[in-house]
Amino acid sequence: MKEKIQNNNILKFIIIIASLGLPIIFILSRLDILDSEYVFFWDYLWIGFYSTLFASLFLKKNILIKLLMGINILIILFGLIASMLMGLPGLFYMIVKMVLPFIPEGWIELNP
């Protein structure tokens, strides 16, 4: 299956475009081009997590893929370190929201 995905240009294109999603959202939100009221950067960490996971599992490691994976990992680490401002519950919340992005926010309690 891995070889089929590696040879499928459409799936490679989708994974590469998804790998560009988090860095673009991060840069545009930091430059105040995207309104943080509507596009909240923290809600999109899952794009970087899953695109890095799929790129590492299914794509051949050329310099572009390694660069995109590194950028996504750095942005994810920035988000996780910044979530530590809320303590360990904040870190736990961000990890859960990154791995399971469609859990309603009321299901995770931040008050210890």
Protein backbone atom coordinates (compact mmCIF):
# COMPACT_ATOMS: atom_id res chain seq x y z
CA MET A 1 0.00 0.00 0.00
CA LYS A 2 2.85 2.37 0.81
CA GLU A 3 4.29 1.91 -2.69
CA LYS A 4 0.89 2.62 -4.29
CA ILE A 5 0.63 5.89 -2.36
CA GLN A 6 4.22 6.82 -3.18
CA ASN A 7 3.50 6.33 -6.88
CA ASN A 8 0.16 8.18 -6.82
CA ASN A 9 0.83 11.79 -7.79
CA ILE A 10 -2.59 13.05 -6.68
CA LEU A 11 -2.15 11.79 -3.11
CA LYS A 12 1.40 13.16 -2.95
CA PHE A 13 0.07 16.54 -4.10
CA ILE A 14 -2.68 16.50 -1.45
CA ILE A 15 -0.20 15.65 1.34
CA ILE A 16 2.21 18.39 0.22
CA ILE A 17 -0.59 20.98 0.02
CA ALA A 18 -1.78 19.93 3.49
CA SER A 19 1.80 20.31 4.74
CA LEU A 20 1.73 23.91 3.54
CA GLY A 21 -1.55 24.65 5.36
CA LEU A 22 -0.28 25.19 8.90
CA PRO A 23 2.76 27.33 7.98
CA ILE A 24 0.60 29.57 5.78
CA ILE A 25 -2.05 29.99 8.50
CA PHE A 26 0.67 30.64 11.08
CA ILE A 27 2.44 33.30 8.99
CA LEU A 28 -0.78 35.05 7.98
CA SER A 29 -2.07 35.11 11.56
CA ARG A 30 1.24 36.43 12.92
CA LEU A 31 1.26 39.22 10.30
CA ASP A 32 -2.37 40.08 11.24
CA ILE A 33 -3.55 39.42 7.70
CA LEU A 34 -5.98 36.76 8.97
CA ASP A 35 -8.41 37.98 11.58
CA SER A 36 -7.78 35.90 14.70
CA GLU A 37 -11.43 36.28 15.65
CA TYR A 38 -12.45 33.98 12.79
CA VAL A 39 -9.30 31.98 12.04
CA PHE A 40 -7.81 30.96 15.36
CA PHE A 41 -4.32 29.52 14.83
CA TRP A 42 -4.56 26.99 17.66
CA ASP A 43 -7.52 25.26 16.04
CA TYR A 44 -5.37 24.28 13.04
CA LEU A 45 -2.48 22.49 14.75
CA TRP A 46 -4.08 19.21 13.72
CA ILE A 47 -3.36 20.01 10.05
CA GLY A 48 0.36 20.19 10.78
CA PHE A 49 0.25 17.09 12.97
CA TYR A 50 -1.53 14.86 10.48
CA SER A 51 0.25 16.19 7.39
CA THR A 52 3.61 15.54 9.07
CA LEU A 53 2.46 12.08 10.10
CA PHE A 54 1.23 11.18 6.61
CA ALA A 55 4.31 12.68 4.95
CA SER A 56 6.63 10.67 7.18
CA LEU A 57 4.68 7.46 6.60
CA PHE A 58 3.84 7.63 2.92
CA LEU A 59 6.19 9.97 1.06
CA LYS A 60 9.78 9.55 -0.01
CA LYS A 61 12.04 11.77 2.02
CA ASN A 62 13.40 14.43 -0.32
CA ILE A 63 14.62 17.85 0.82
CA LEU A 64 11.22 19.55 0.28
CA ILE A 65 9.34 17.01 2.39
CA LYS A 66 11.94 17.19 5.16
CA LEU A 67 11.79 20.98 5.13
CA LEU A 68 7.97 21.05 5.33
CA MET A 69 7.99 18.46 8.11
CA GLY A 70 10.57 20.47 10.06
CA ILE A 71 8.58 23.70 9.71
CA ASN A 72 5.37 21.96 10.81
CA ILE A 73 7.13 20.39 13.81
CA LEU A 74 8.56 23.77 14.88
CA ILE A 75 5.15 25.44 14.64
CA ILE A 76 3.52 22.60 16.58
CA LEU A 77 6.21 22.88 19.28
CA PHE A 78 5.61 26.64 19.44
CA GLY A 79 1.90 25.98 19.96
CA LEU A 80 2.52 23.36 22.64
CA ILE A 81 5.03 25.49 24.51
CA ALA A 82 2.68 28.48 24.37
CA SER A 83 -0.15 26.31 25.69
CA MET A 84 1.98 25.65 28.76
CA LEU A 85 0.98 29.14 29.92
CA MET A 86 -2.20 27.45 31.13
CA GLY A 87 -0.18 24.75 32.90
CA LEU A 88 -0.39 21.03 32.32
CA PRO A 89 -4.15 21.12 31.64
CA GLY A 90 -3.47 23.55 28.78
CA LEU A 91 -0.83 21.24 27.32
CA PHE A 92 -3.16 18.25 27.69
CA TYR A 93 -5.97 20.23 26.02
CA MET A 94 -3.79 21.17 23.04
CA ILE A 95 -2.52 17.63 22.55
CA VAL A 96 -6.05 16.21 22.65
CA LYS A 97 -7.36 18.91 20.28
CA MET A 98 -4.42 18.27 17.94
CA VAL A 99 -4.92 14.51 17.79
CA LEU A 100 -8.75 14.57 17.88
CA PRO A 101 -9.62 17.93 16.30
CA PHE A 102 -13.40 17.60 16.19
CA ILE A 103 -14.05 17.03 19.90
CA PRO A 104 -16.37 19.76 21.21
CA GLU A 105 -14.54 22.19 23.49
CA GLY A 106 -16.88 21.57 26.43
CA TRP A 107 -15.76 17.94 26.65
CA ILE A 108 -12.30 18.86 27.87
CA GLU A 109 -12.22 20.57 31.26
CA LEU A 110 -9.35 23.00 31.78
CA ASN A 111 -10.04 23.80 35.42
CA PRO A 112 -8.03 21.41 37.61
